[in-house]
């Protein structure tokens, strides 16, 4: 099984192209495994889903002076295509270690 991901060429707060990073999740606690993408977007890629992967994590850096924002996709069973720009980076993620306010 493969998943195709569209990495948008968005502009960051510094006026440059935003940095994106993709990694696989394994297990039931949101543990990260191997990464599969690191770049400035403006491209598409097709990635084979490794055995044992339970999800994927997409990170983006709107401001490279701060920590990345991330969004998890936890259901890979029917996932064929993903547009990284459509993910909700403002929603609390299931495996967040941040204390809720």
Protein backbone atom coordinates (compact mmCIF):
# COMPACT_ATOMS: atom_id res chain seq x y z
CA UNK A 1 0.00 0.00 0.00
CA UNK A 2 1.19 3.52 -0.87
CA UNK A 3 -0.01 6.98 0.07
CA UNK A 4 0.35 10.01 -2.19
CA UNK A 5 0.95 13.30 -0.39
CA UNK A 6 0.75 16.79 -1.86
CA UNK A 7 3.18 19.12 -0.10
CA UNK A 8 2.06 22.72 -0.71
CA UNK A 9 4.45 25.56 -1.48
CA UNK A 10 3.21 27.85 1.30
CA UNK A 11 5.04 30.97 2.44
CA UNK A 12 6.25 31.08 6.05
CA UNK A 13 6.29 34.14 8.33
CA UNK A 14 9.80 35.03 7.12
CA UNK A 15 8.70 35.25 3.48
CA UNK A 16 10.40 32.00 2.45
CA UNK A 17 8.93 28.63 1.59
CA UNK A 18 7.59 26.69 4.54
CA UNK A 19 9.51 23.66 5.78
CA UNK A 20 7.55 20.35 5.91
CA UNK A 21 8.44 17.00 7.52
CA UNK A 22 6.63 13.63 7.39
CA UNK A 23 7.17 10.60 9.62
CA UNK A 24 5.44 7.30 10.33
CA UNK A 25 3.73 6.48 13.62
CA UNK A 26 3.81 3.01 15.18
CA UNK A 27 1.97 1.41 18.07
CA UNK A 28 -0.93 2.81 20.02
CA UNK A 29 0.84 5.68 21.81
CA UNK A 30 1.90 7.88 18.89
CA UNK A 31 5.53 6.76 18.79
CA UNK A 32 7.42 8.03 15.77
CA UNK A 33 9.35 5.73 13.48
CA UNK A 34 11.20 6.51 10.26
CA UNK A 35 10.70 9.77 8.41
CA UNK A 36 9.80 9.88 4.74
CA UNK A 37 9.82 13.56 3.73
CA UNK A 38 11.75 16.71 4.55
CA UNK A 39 11.52 19.68 2.22
CA UNK A 40 10.06 23.02 1.24
CA UNK A 41 6.93 21.74 -0.50
CA UNK A 42 5.66 22.48 -3.97
CA UNK A 43 5.73 18.80 -4.87
CA UNK A 44 3.94 15.47 -4.60
CA UNK A 45 5.35 12.20 -3.42
CA UNK A 46 4.21 8.59 -3.24
CA UNK A 47 5.36 6.72 -0.15
CA UNK A 48 5.08 3.00 0.62
CA UNK A 49 3.44 2.50 4.02
CA UNK A 50 5.82 0.36 6.09
CA UNK A 51 4.59 -2.74 7.83
CA UNK A 52 3.52 -1.90 11.37
CA UNK A 53 2.75 1.77 10.65
CA UNK A 54 -0.37 2.90 12.51
CA UNK A 55 -0.42 6.47 11.23
CA UNK A 56 1.64 9.36 9.99
CA UNK A 57 2.63 12.74 11.38
CA UNK A 58 2.99 15.86 9.26
CA UNK A 59 4.95 18.80 10.67
CA UNK A 60 5.23 22.32 9.31
CA UNK A 61 7.17 25.39 10.41
CA UNK A 62 5.20 28.61 9.78
CA UNK A 63 7.94 30.35 11.80
CA UNK A 64 11.33 28.66 11.86
CA UNK A 65 12.16 30.37 15.17
CA UNK A 66 9.49 28.34 16.98
CA UNK A 67 8.56 24.66 17.35
CA UNK A 68 6.76 23.00 14.49
CA UNK A 69 3.01 22.57 14.27
CA UNK A 70 1.90 19.01 13.58
CA UNK A 71 -1.11 16.96 12.61
CA UNK A 72 -1.52 13.19 12.92
CA UNK A 73 -3.39 10.96 10.50
CA UNK A 74 -4.23 7.77 12.36
CA UNK A 75 -6.33 5.75 9.91
CA UNK A 76 -4.21 4.48 7.04
CA UNK A 77 -6.54 1.68 5.95
CA UNK A 78 -8.29 3.63 3.19
CA UNK A 79 -5.86 6.50 2.79
CA UNK A 80 -4.65 6.81 -0.79
CA UNK A 81 -4.14 10.56 -1.19
CA UNK A 82 -3.50 13.32 1.31
CA UNK A 83 -3.24 17.08 0.86
CA UNK A 84 -1.03 18.35 3.70
CA UNK A 85 -2.57 21.82 3.39
CA UNK A 86 -6.01 20.41 4.29
CA UNK A 87 -4.89 19.06 7.69
CA UNK A 88 -6.06 20.83 10.85
CA UNK A 89 -2.88 21.97 12.60
CA UNK A 90 -4.88 24.03 15.11
CA UNK A 91 -6.71 21.02 16.60
CA UNK A 92 -5.27 19.31 19.68
CA UNK A 93 -3.67 16.07 18.51
CA UNK A 94 -4.47 12.72 20.18
CA UNK A 95 -0.91 12.12 21.45
CA UNK A 96 -0.10 15.71 22.49
CA UNK A 97 2.11 16.06 25.55
CA UNK A 98 0.99 19.64 26.14
CA UNK A 99 -1.10 20.35 29.22
CA UNK A 100 -4.66 21.30 28.33
CA UNK A 101 -5.67 24.84 29.25
